[in-house]
Amino acid sequence: MTEHDPLLVALSIMGTKQRWGIIRCILSGHTKFNQIKRDCGISSAALARTLRHLQSHGVITRLANGGRVPETEYSLTQAGLEFAKVMDAMAKWGRRIK
């Protein structure tokens, strides 16, 4: 396999449990930074770094609300929604081989 192998590209973008957990949090409706932080049990610095990574690869989008109390929300892009289907298929596979 080479570094241009599509599977290796996908693994380099999504290859950690932490990234999967964040996607699951967003899928379950937890879209604000502090909600994701609490539900994933991750430090602010690690979450910010991981969210930037996912955003830079087009998996999530970031929307900053510039109101009196600034809030940042995250949502899945089309690529993120497609990956969610991969996660679902892998969960089904995991249940079968368990």
PDB file of N, CA and C in Angstrom:
ATOM      1  N   MET A   1       0.843  -1.178   0.000  1.00  0.00           N
ATOM      2  CA  MET A   1       0.000   0.000   0.000  1.00  0.00           C
ATOM      3  C   MET A   1       0.888   1.242   0.000  1.00  0.00           C
ATOM      4  N   THR A   2       0.402   2.267  -0.654  1.00  0.00           N
ATOM      5  CA  THR A   2       1.138   3.523  -0.716  1.00  0.00           C
ATOM      6  C   THR A   2       0.388   4.591   0.070  1.00  0.00           C
ATOM      7  N   GLU A   3       1.065   5.718   0.285  1.00  0.00           N
ATOM      8  CA  GLU A   3       0.433   6.810   1.032  1.00  0.00           C
ATOM      9  C   GLU A   3      -0.769   7.399   0.305  1.00  0.00           C
ATOM     10  N   HIS A   4      -0.932   7.085  -0.979  1.00  0.00           N
ATOM     11  CA  HIS A   4      -2.067   7.579  -1.753  1.00  0.00           C
ATOM     12  C   HIS A   4      -3.219   6.577  -1.785  1.00  0.00           C
ATOM     13  N   ASP A   5      -3.058   5.468  -1.107  1.00  0.00           N
ATOM     14  CA  ASP A   5      -4.097   4.461  -1.033  1.00  0.00           C
ATOM     15  C   ASP A   5      -5.305   5.078  -0.320  1.00  0.00           C
ATOM     16  N   PRO A   6      -6.494   5.007  -0.922  1.00  0.00           N
ATOM     17  CA  PRO A   6      -7.682   5.629  -0.315  1.00  0.00           C
ATOM     18  C   PRO A   6      -7.982   5.148   1.094  1.00  0.00           C
ATOM     19  N   LEU A   7      -7.708   3.889   1.388  1.00  0.00           N
ATOM     20  CA  LEU A   7      -7.941   3.382   2.738  1.00  0.00           C
ATOM     21  C   LEU A   7      -6.995   4.048   3.728  1.00  0.00           C
ATOM     22  N   LEU A   8      -5.729   4.209   3.350  1.00  0.00           N
ATOM     23  CA  LEU A   8      -4.772   4.866   4.231  1.00  0.00           C
ATOM     24  C   LEU A   8      -5.109   6.339   4.426  1.00  0.00           C
ATOM     25  N   VAL A   9      -5.615   6.977   3.397  1.00  0.00           N
ATOM     26  CA  VAL A   9      -6.052   8.371   3.521  1.00  0.00           C
ATOM     27  C   VAL A   9      -7.195   8.461   4.536  1.00  0.00           C
ATOM     28  N   ALA A  10      -8.175   7.583   4.388  1.00  0.00           N
ATOM     29  CA  ALA A  10      -9.317   7.576   5.312  1.00  0.00           C
ATOM     30  C   ALA A  10      -8.854   7.319   6.743  1.00  0.00           C
ATOM     31  N   LEU A  11      -7.952   6.374   6.924  1.00  0.00           N
ATOM     32  CA  LEU A  11      -7.448   6.071   8.260  1.00  0.00           C
ATOM     33  C   LEU A  11      -6.667   7.241   8.851  1.00  0.00           C
ATOM     34  N   SER A  12      -5.935   7.953   8.021  1.00  0.00           N
ATOM     35  CA  SER A  12      -5.173   9.090   8.543  1.00  0.00           C
ATOM     36  C   SER A  12      -6.105  10.218   8.991  1.00  0.00           C
ATOM     37  N   ILE A  13      -7.256  10.336   8.364  1.00  0.00           N
ATOM     38  CA  ILE A  13      -8.216  11.377   8.739  1.00  0.00           C
ATOM     39  C   ILE A  13      -9.048  10.950   9.933  1.00  0.00           C
ATOM     40  N   MET A  14      -9.518   9.708   9.951  1.00  0.00           N
ATOM     41  CA  MET A  14     -10.499   9.276  10.952  1.00  0.00           C
ATOM     42  C   MET A  14      -9.994   8.171  11.864  1.00  0.00           C
ATOM     43  N   GLY A  15      -8.708   7.903  11.875  1.00  0.00           N
ATOM     44  CA  GLY A  15      -8.182   6.712  12.525  1.00  0.00           C
ATOM     45  C   GLY A  15      -8.008   6.703  14.029  1.00  0.00           C
ATOM     46  N   THR A  16      -8.742   7.527  14.793  1.00  0.00           N
ATOM     47  CA  THR A  16      -8.634   7.427  16.249  1.00  0.00           C
ATOM     48  C   THR A  16     -10.018   7.294  16.880  1.00  0.00           C
ATOM     49  N   LYS A  17     -10.056   6.635  18.035  1.00  0.00           N
ATOM     50  CA  LYS A  17     -11.321   6.491  18.758  1.00  0.00           C
ATOM     51  C   LYS A  17     -11.870   7.857  19.157  1.00  0.00           C
ATOM     52  N   GLN A  18     -10.976   8.775  19.469  1.00  0.00           N
ATOM     53  CA  GLN A  18     -11.383  10.119  19.871  1.00  0.00           C
ATOM     54  C   GLN A  18     -12.178  10.810  18.760  1.00  0.00           C
ATOM     55  N   ARG A  19     -11.717  10.711  17.550  1.00  0.00           N
ATOM     56  CA  ARG A  19     -12.419  11.326  16.409  1.00  0.00           C
ATOM     57  C   ARG A  19     -13.773  10.668  16.205  1.00  0.00           C
ATOM     58  N   TRP A  20     -13.828   9.352  16.336  1.00  0.00           N
ATOM     59  CA  TRP A  20     -15.096   8.634  16.199  1.00  0.00           C
ATOM     60  C   TRP A  20     -16.063   9.078  17.285  1.00  0.00           C
ATOM     61  N   GLY A  21     -15.561   9.224  18.506  1.00  0.00           N
ATOM     62  CA  GLY A  21     -16.405   9.646  19.614  1.00  0.00           C
ATOM     63  C   GLY A  21     -17.002  11.021  19.391  1.00  0.00           C
ATOM     64  N   ILE A  22     -16.213  11.916  18.847  1.00  0.00           N
ATOM     65  CA  ILE A  22     -16.711  13.263  18.570  1.00  0.00           C
ATOM     66  C   ILE A  22     -17.797  13.217  17.496  1.00  0.00           C
ATOM     67  N   ILE A  23     -17.599  12.423  16.473  1.00  0.00           N
ATOM     68  CA  ILE A  23     -18.622  12.274  15.432  1.00  0.00           C
ATOM     69  C   ILE A  23     -19.909  11.727  16.062  1.00  0.00           C
ATOM     70  N   ARG A  24     -19.783  10.742  16.936  1.00  0.00           N
ATOM     71  CA  ARG A  24     -20.968  10.171  17.603  1.00  0.00           C
ATOM     72  C   ARG A  24     -21.682  11.212  18.455  1.00  0.00           C
ATOM     73  N   CYS A  25     -20.921  12.049  19.145  1.00  0.00           N
ATOM     74  CA  CYS A  25     -21.534  13.117  19.955  1.00  0.00           C
ATOM     75  C   CYS A  25     -22.325  14.076  19.070  1.00  0.00           C
ATOM     76  N   ILE A  26     -21.740  14.475  17.968  1.00  0.00           N
ATOM     77  CA  ILE A  26     -22.430  15.405  17.060  1.00  0.00           C
ATOM     78  C   ILE A  26     -23.670  14.737  16.479  1.00  0.00           C
ATOM     79  N   LEU A  27     -23.556  13.471  16.121  1.00  0.00           N
ATOM     80  CA  LEU A  27     -24.717  12.738  15.592  1.00  0.00           C
ATOM     81  C   LEU A  27     -25.853  12.652  16.605  1.00  0.00           C
ATOM     82  N   SER A  28     -25.494  12.574  17.875  1.00  0.00           N
ATOM     83  CA  SER A  28     -26.529  12.443  18.900  1.00  0.00           C
ATOM     84  C   SER A  28     -27.138  13.786  19.291  1.00  0.00           C
ATOM     85  N   GLY A  29     -26.711  14.849  18.628  1.00  0.00           N
ATOM     86  CA  GLY A  29     -27.311  16.157  18.854  1.00  0.00           C
ATOM     87  C   GLY A  29     -26.513  17.081  19.738  1.00  0.00           C
ATOM     88  N   HIS A  30     -25.364  16.642  20.204  1.00  0.00           N
ATOM     89  CA  HIS A  30     -24.513  17.492  21.033  1.00  0.00           C
ATOM     90  C   HIS A  30     -23.568  18.247  20.101  1.00  0.00           C
ATOM     91  N   THR A  31     -23.923  19.487  19.821  1.00  0.00           N
ATOM     92  CA  THR A  31     -23.205  20.220  18.788  1.00  0.00           C
ATOM     93  C   THR A  31     -22.364  21.366  19.317  1.00  0.00           C
ATOM     94  N   LYS A  32     -22.519  21.703  20.590  1.00  0.00           N
ATOM     95  CA  LYS A  32     -21.751  22.811  21.159  1.00  0.00           C
ATOM     96  C   LYS A  32     -20.472  22.275  21.790  1.00  0.00           C
ATOM     97  N   PHE A  33     -19.446  23.113  21.768  1.00  0.00           N
ATOM     98  CA  PHE A  33     -18.126  22.718  22.243  1.00  0.00           C
ATOM     99  C   PHE A  33     -18.196  22.084  23.629  1.00  0.00           C
ATOM    100  N   ASN A  34     -18.823  22.761  24.575  1.00  0.00           N
ATOM    101  CA  ASN A  34     -18.850  22.250  25.948  1.00  0.00           C
ATOM    102  C   ASN A  34     -19.662  20.968  26.077  1.00  0.00           C
ATOM    103  N   GLN A  35     -20.700  20.809  25.263  1.00  0.00           N
ATOM    104  CA  GLN A  35     -21.463  19.553  25.275  1.00  0.00           C
ATOM    105  C   GLN A  35     -20.578  18.404  24.814  1.00  0.00           C
ATOM    106  N   ILE A  36     -19.866  18.640  23.722  1.00  0.00           N
ATOM    107  CA  ILE A  36     -18.988  17.597  23.175  1.00  0.00           C
ATOM    108  C   ILE A  36     -17.894  17.273  24.186  1.00  0.00           C
ATOM    109  N   LYS A  37     -17.316  18.303  24.777  1.00  0.00           N
ATOM    110  CA  LYS A  37     -16.250  18.108  25.767  1.00  0.00           C
ATOM    111  C   LYS A  37     -16.743  17.241  26.917  1.00  0.00           C
ATOM    112  N   ARG A  38     -17.904  17.571  27.456  1.00  0.00           N
ATOM    113  CA  ARG A  38     -18.450  16.830  28.596  1.00  0.00           C
ATOM    114  C   ARG A  38     -18.778  15.392  28.198  1.00  0.00           C
ATOM    115  N   ASP A  39     -19.458  15.222  27.076  1.00  0.00           N
ATOM    116  CA  ASP A  39     -19.920  13.898  26.684  1.00  0.00           C
ATOM    117  C   ASP A  39     -18.793  12.981  26.216  1.00  0.00           C
ATOM    118  N   CYS A  40     -17.753  13.554  25.666  1.00  0.00           N
ATOM    119  CA  CYS A  40     -16.634  12.732  25.199  1.00  0.00           C
ATOM    120  C   CYS A  40     -15.561  12.565  26.266  1.00  0.00           C
ATOM    121  N   GLY A  41     -15.640  13.343  27.346  1.00  0.00           N
ATOM    122  CA  GLY A  41     -14.638  13.239  28.393  1.00  0.00           C
ATOM    123  C   GLY A  41     -13.244  13.578  27.899  1.00  0.00           C
ATOM    124  N   ILE A  42     -13.129  14.696  27.223  1.00  0.00           N
ATOM    125  CA  ILE A  42     -11.888  15.088  26.577  1.00  0.00           C
ATOM    126  C   ILE A  42     -11.515  16.493  27.052  1.00  0.00           C
ATOM    127  N   SER A  43     -10.243  16.784  27.121  1.00  0.00           N
ATOM    128  CA  SER A  43      -9.816  18.116  27.553  1.00  0.00           C
ATOM    129  C   SER A  43     -10.144  19.148  26.472  1.00  0.00           C
ATOM    130  N   SER A  44     -10.220  20.391  26.882  1.00  0.00           N
ATOM    131  CA  SER A  44     -10.513  21.476  25.934  1.00  0.00           C
ATOM    132  C   SER A  44      -9.469  21.541  24.825  1.00  0.00           C
ATOM    133  N   ALA A  45      -8.204  21.419  25.202  1.00  0.00           N
ATOM    134  CA  ALA A  45      -7.132  21.511  24.204  1.00  0.00           C
ATOM    135  C   ALA A  45      -7.207  20.364  23.198  1.00  0.00           C
ATOM    136  N   ALA A  46      -7.413  19.151  23.692  1.00  0.00           N
ATOM    137  CA  ALA A  46      -7.498  17.992  22.788  1.00  0.00           C
ATOM    138  C   ALA A  46      -8.726  18.089  21.902  1.00  0.00           C
ATOM    139  N   LEU A  47      -9.845  18.553  22.466  1.00  0.00           N
ATOM    140  CA  LEU A  47     -11.057  18.692  21.662  1.00  0.00           C
ATOM    141  C   LEU A  47     -10.869  19.746  20.583  1.00  0.00           C
ATOM    142  N   ALA A  48     -10.319  20.890  20.944  1.00  0.00           N
ATOM    143  CA  ALA A  48     -10.099  21.953  19.961  1.00  0.00           C
ATOM    144  C   ALA A  48      -9.203  21.471  18.827  1.00  0.00           C
ATOM    145  N   ARG A  49      -8.139  20.762  19.181  1.00  0.00           N
ATOM    146  CA  ARG A  49      -7.204  20.232  18.175  1.00  0.00           C
ATOM    147  C   ARG A  49      -7.907  19.238  17.259  1.00  0.00           C
ATOM    148  N   THR A  50      -8.720  18.354  17.837  1.00  0.00           N
ATOM    149  CA  THR A  50      -9.405  17.337  17.042  1.00  0.00           C
ATOM    150  C   THR A  50     -10.489  17.963  16.168  1.00  0.00           C
ATOM    151  N   LEU A  51     -11.214  18.925  16.701  1.00  0.00           N
ATOM    152  CA  LEU A  51     -12.230  19.608  15.891  1.00  0.00           C
ATOM    153  C   LEU A  51     -11.592  20.338  14.719  1.00  0.00           C
ATOM    154  N   ARG A  52     -10.451  20.992  14.952  1.00  0.00           N
ATOM    155  CA  ARG A  52      -9.749  21.659  13.840  1.00  0.00           C
ATOM    156  C   ARG A  52      -9.328  20.643  12.783  1.00  0.00           C
ATOM    157  N   HIS A  53      -8.837  19.486  13.232  1.00  0.00           N
ATOM    158  CA  HIS A  53      -8.434  18.429  12.298  1.00  0.00           C
ATOM    159  C   HIS A  53      -9.628  17.986  11.446  1.00  0.00           C
ATOM    160  N   LEU A  54     -10.743  17.695  12.095  1.00  0.00           N
ATOM    161  CA  LEU A  54     -11.929  17.238  11.368  1.00  0.00           C
ATOM    162  C   LEU A  54     -12.451  18.316  10.429  1.00  0.00           C
ATOM    163  N   GLN A  55     -12.397  19.560  10.866  1.00  0.00           N
ATOM    164  CA  GLN A  55     -12.848  20.661  10.013  1.00  0.00           C
ATOM    165  C   GLN A  55     -11.922  20.829   8.810  1.00  0.00           C
ATOM    166  N   SER A  56     -10.620  20.732   9.034  1.00  0.00           N
ATOM    167  CA  SER A  56      -9.667  20.916   7.938  1.00  0.00           C
ATOM    168  C   SER A  56      -9.796  19.830   6.874  1.00  0.00           C
ATOM    169  N   HIS A  57     -10.341  18.682   7.266  1.00  0.00           N
ATOM    170  CA  HIS A  57     -10.529  17.585   6.310  1.00  0.00           C
ATOM    171  C   HIS A  57     -11.957  17.503   5.787  1.00  0.00           C
ATOM    172  N   GLY A  58     -12.771  18.505   6.112  1.00  0.00           N
ATOM    173  CA  GLY A  58     -14.114  18.576   5.537  1.00  0.00           C
ATOM    174  C   GLY A  58     -15.119  17.611   6.145  1.00  0.00           C
ATOM    175  N   VAL A  59     -14.866  17.145   7.369  1.00  0.00           N
ATOM    176  CA  VAL A  59     -15.777  16.201   8.018  1.00  0.00           C
ATOM    177  C   VAL A  59     -16.853  16.935   8.814  1.00  0.00           C
ATOM    178  N   ILE A  60     -16.478  18.073   9.398  1.00  0.00           N
ATOM    179  CA  ILE A  60     -17.421  18.887  10.158  1.00  0.00           C
ATOM    180  C   ILE A  60     -17.318  20.341   9.712  1.00  0.00           C
ATOM    181  N   THR A  61     -18.346  21.105  10.053  1.00  0.00           N
ATOM    182  CA  THR A  61     -18.299  22.552   9.861  1.00  0.00           C
ATOM    183  C   THR A  61     -18.460  23.213  11.215  1.00  0.00           C
ATOM    184  N   ARG A  62     -17.938  24.404  11.317  1.00  0.00           N
ATOM    185  CA  ARG A  62     -17.973  25.188  12.556  1.00  0.00           C
ATOM    186  C   ARG A  62     -18.765  26.457  12.284  1.00  0.00           C
ATOM    187  N   LEU A  63     -19.720  26.737  13.154  1.00  0.00           N
ATOM    188  CA  LEU A  63     -20.520  27.945  13.041  1.00  0.00           C
ATOM    189  C   LEU A  63     -20.399  28.714  14.345  1.00  0.00           C
ATOM    190  N   ALA A  64     -19.811  29.904  14.273  1.00  0.00           N
ATOM    191  CA  ALA A  64     -19.650  30.736  15.464  1.00  0.00           C
ATOM    192  C   ALA A  64     -20.782  31.750  15.511  1.00  0.00           C
ATOM    193  N   ASN A  65     -21.496  31.751  16.624  1.00  0.00           N
ATOM    194  CA  ASN A  65     -22.572  32.703  16.861  1.00  0.00           C
ATOM    195  C   ASN A  65     -21.948  33.901  17.562  1.00  0.00           C
ATOM    196  N   GLY A  66     -22.034  35.055  16.957  1.00  0.00           N
ATOM    197  CA  GLY A  66     -21.400  36.247  17.508  1.00  0.00           C
ATOM    198  C   GLY A  66     -22.291  37.036  18.437  1.00  0.00           C
ATOM    199  N   GLY A  67     -23.177  36.386  19.140  1.00  0.00           N
ATOM    200  CA  GLY A  67     -24.081  37.073  20.052  1.00  0.00           C
ATOM    201  C   GLY A  67     -23.369  37.571  21.294  1.00  0.00           C
ATOM    202  N   ARG A  68     -24.144  38.039  22.258  1.00  0.00           N
ATOM    203  CA  ARG A  68     -23.574  38.550  23.504  1.00  0.00           C
ATOM    204  C   ARG A  68     -22.752  37.483  24.210  1.00  0.00           C
ATOM    205  N   VAL A  69     -23.252  36.272  24.188  1.00  0.00           N
ATOM    206  CA  VAL A  69     -22.500  35.140  24.720  1.00  0.00           C
ATOM    207  C   VAL A  69     -22.119  34.272  23.525  1.00  0.00           C
ATOM    208  N   PRO A  70     -20.880  34.421  23.045  1.00  0.00           N
ATOM    209  CA  PRO A  70     -20.495  33.674  21.837  1.00  0.00           C
ATOM    210  C   PRO A  70     -20.594  32.165  22.048  1.00  0.00           C
ATOM    211  N   GLU A  71     -21.174  31.505  21.098  1.00  0.00           N
ATOM    212  CA  GLU A  71     -21.267  30.048  21.116  1.00  0.00           C
ATOM    213  C   GLU A  71     -20.766  29.514  19.789  1.00  0.00           C
ATOM    214  N   THR A  72     -20.171  28.370  19.854  1.00  0.00           N
ATOM    215  CA  THR A  72     -19.701  27.713  18.647  1.00  0.00           C
ATOM    216  C   THR A  72     -20.404  26.374  18.542  1.00  0.00           C
ATOM    217  N   GLU A  73     -20.968  26.125  17.371  1.00  0.00           N
ATOM    218  CA  GLU A  73     -21.640  24.846  17.133  1.00  0.00           C
ATOM    219  C   GLU A  73     -20.968  24.139  15.962  1.00  0.00           C
ATOM    220  N   TYR A  74     -21.044  22.836  16.017  1.00  0.00           N
ATOM    221  CA  TYR A  74     -20.440  22.000  14.993  1.00  0.00           C
ATOM    222  C   TYR A  74     -21.504  21.113  14.381  1.00  0.00           C
ATOM    223  N   SER A  75     -21.357  20.847  13.098  1.00  0.00           N
ATOM    224  CA  SER A  75     -22.267  19.928  12.421  1.00  0.00           C
ATOM    225  C   SER A  75     -21.472  19.112  11.410  1.00  0.00           C
ATOM    226  N   LEU A  76     -22.062  18.004  11.011  1.00  0.00           N
ATOM    227  CA  LEU A  76     -21.401  17.140  10.037  1.00  0.00           C
ATOM    228  C   LEU A  76     -21.632  17.664   8.624  1.00  0.00           C
ATOM    229  N   THR A  77     -20.609  17.592   7.823  1.00  0.00           N
ATOM    230  CA  THR A  77     -20.735  17.888   6.399  1.00  0.00           C
ATOM    231  C   THR A  77     -21.276  16.641   5.706  1.00  0.00           C
ATOM    232  N   GLN A  78     -21.424  16.709   4.411  1.00  0.00           N
ATOM    233  CA  GLN A  78     -21.842  15.528   3.657  1.00  0.00           C
ATOM    234  C   GLN A  78     -20.828  14.395   3.855  1.00  0.00           C
ATOM    235  N   ALA A  79     -19.554  14.736   3.855  1.00  0.00           N
ATOM    236  CA  ALA A  79     -18.521  13.717   4.086  1.00  0.00           C
ATOM    237  C   ALA A  79     -18.664  13.110   5.478  1.00  0.00           C
ATOM    238  N   GLY A  80     -18.976  13.936   6.463  1.00  0.00           N
ATOM    239  CA  GLY A  80     -19.184  13.444   7.823  1.00  0.00           C
ATOM    240  C   GLY A  80     -20.379  12.529   7.919  1.00  0.00           C
ATOM    241  N   LEU A  81     -21.448  12.878   7.221  1.00  0.00           N
ATOM    242  CA  LEU A  81     -22.641  12.036   7.210  1.00  0.00           C
ATOM    243  C   LEU A  81     -22.360  10.703   6.523  1.00  0.00           C
ATOM    244  N   GLU A  82     -21.545  10.738   5.470  1.00  0.00           N
ATOM    245  CA  GLU A  82     -21.160   9.493   4.797  1.00  0.00           C
ATOM    246  C   GLU A  82     -20.321   8.625   5.726  1.00  0.00           C
ATOM    247  N   PHE A  83     -19.426   9.255   6.496  1.00  0.00           N
ATOM    248  CA  PHE A  83     -18.620   8.489   7.442  1.00  0.00           C
ATOM    249  C   PHE A  83     -19.487   7.891   8.532  1.00  0.00           C
ATOM    250  N   ALA A  84     -20.533   8.588   8.916  1.00  0.00           N
ATOM    251  CA  ALA A  84     -21.458   8.057   9.929  1.00  0.00           C
ATOM    252  C   ALA A  84     -22.061   6.738   9.460  1.00  0.00           C
ATOM    253  N   LYS A  85     -22.294   6.613   8.167  1.00  0.00           N
ATOM    254  CA  LYS A  85     -22.802   5.344   7.622  1.00  0.00           C
ATOM    255  C   LYS A  85     -21.752   4.244   7.748  1.00  0.00           C
ATOM    256  N   VAL A  86     -20.493   4.609   7.566  1.00  0.00           N
ATOM    257  CA  VAL A  86     -19.398   3.656   7.742  1.00  0.00           C
ATOM    258  C   VAL A  86     -19.351   3.203   9.201  1.00  0.00           C
ATOM    259  N   MET A  87     -19.492   4.148  10.122  1.00  0.00           N
ATOM    260  CA  MET A  87     -19.501   3.806  11.551  1.00  0.00           C
ATOM    261  C   MET A  87     -20.642   2.863  11.881  1.00  0.00           C
ATOM    262  N   ASP A  88     -21.806   3.129  11.316  1.00  0.00           N
ATOM    263  CA  ASP A  88     -22.968   2.269  11.560  1.00  0.00           C
ATOM    264  C   ASP A  88     -22.709   0.861  11.033  1.00  0.00           C
ATOM    265  N   ALA A  89     -22.154   0.768   9.838  1.00  0.00           N
ATOM    266  CA  ALA A  89     -21.853  -0.552   9.264  1.00  0.00           C
ATOM    267  C   ALA A  89     -20.816  -1.286  10.110  1.00  0.00           C
ATOM    268  N   MET A  90     -19.823  -0.576  10.610  1.00  0.00           N
ATOM    269  CA  MET A  90     -18.811  -1.221  11.446  1.00  0.00           C
ATOM    270  C   MET A  90     -19.395  -1.656  12.781  1.00  0.00           C
ATOM    271  N   ALA A  91     -20.320  -0.877  13.332  1.00  0.00           N
ATOM    272  CA  ALA A  91     -20.972  -1.270  14.585  1.00  0.00           C
ATOM    273  C   ALA A  91     -21.784  -2.547  14.385  1.00  0.00           C
ATOM    274  N   LYS A  92     -22.491  -2.634  13.259  1.00  0.00           N
ATOM    275  CA  LYS A  92     -23.257  -3.850  12.955  1.00  0.00           C
ATOM    276  C   LYS A  92     -22.321  -5.038  12.813  1.00  0.00           C
ATOM    277  N   TRP A  93     -21.205  -4.856  12.156  1.00  0.00           N
ATOM    278  CA  TRP A  93     -20.225  -5.917  11.999  1.00  0.00           C
ATOM    279  C   TRP A  93     -19.680  -6.325  13.357  1.00  0.00           C
ATOM    280  N   GLY A  94     -19.378  -5.345  14.213  1.00  0.00           N
ATOM    281  CA  GLY A  94     -18.853  -5.629  15.540  1.00  0.00           C
ATOM    282  C   GLY A  94     -19.826  -6.424  16.395  1.00  0.00           C
ATOM    283  N   ARG A  95     -21.114  -6.126  16.265  1.00  0.00           N
ATOM    284  CA  ARG A  95     -22.111  -6.886  17.015  1.00  0.00           C
ATOM    285  C   ARG A  95     -22.170  -8.332  16.542  1.00  0.00           C
ATOM    286  N   ARG A  96     -21.974  -8.550  15.243  1.00  0.00           N
ATOM    287  CA  ARG A  96     -22.050  -9.915  14.695  1.00  0.00           C
ATOM    288  C   ARG A  96     -20.854 -10.757  15.113  1.00  0.00           C
ATOM    289  N   ILE A  97     -19.677 -10.189  15.211  1.00  0.00           N
ATOM    290  CA  ILE A  97     -18.492 -10.998  15.508  1.00  0.00           C
ATOM    291  C   ILE A  97     -18.192 -11.068  16.996  1.00  0.00           C
ATOM    292  N   LYS A  98     -18.895 -10.334  17.782  1.00  0.00           N
ATOM    293  CA  LYS A  98     -18.667 -10.259  19.223  1.00  0.00           C
ATOM    294  C   LYS A  98     -18.781 -11.583  19.908  1.00  0.00           C
TER     295      LYS A  98
END
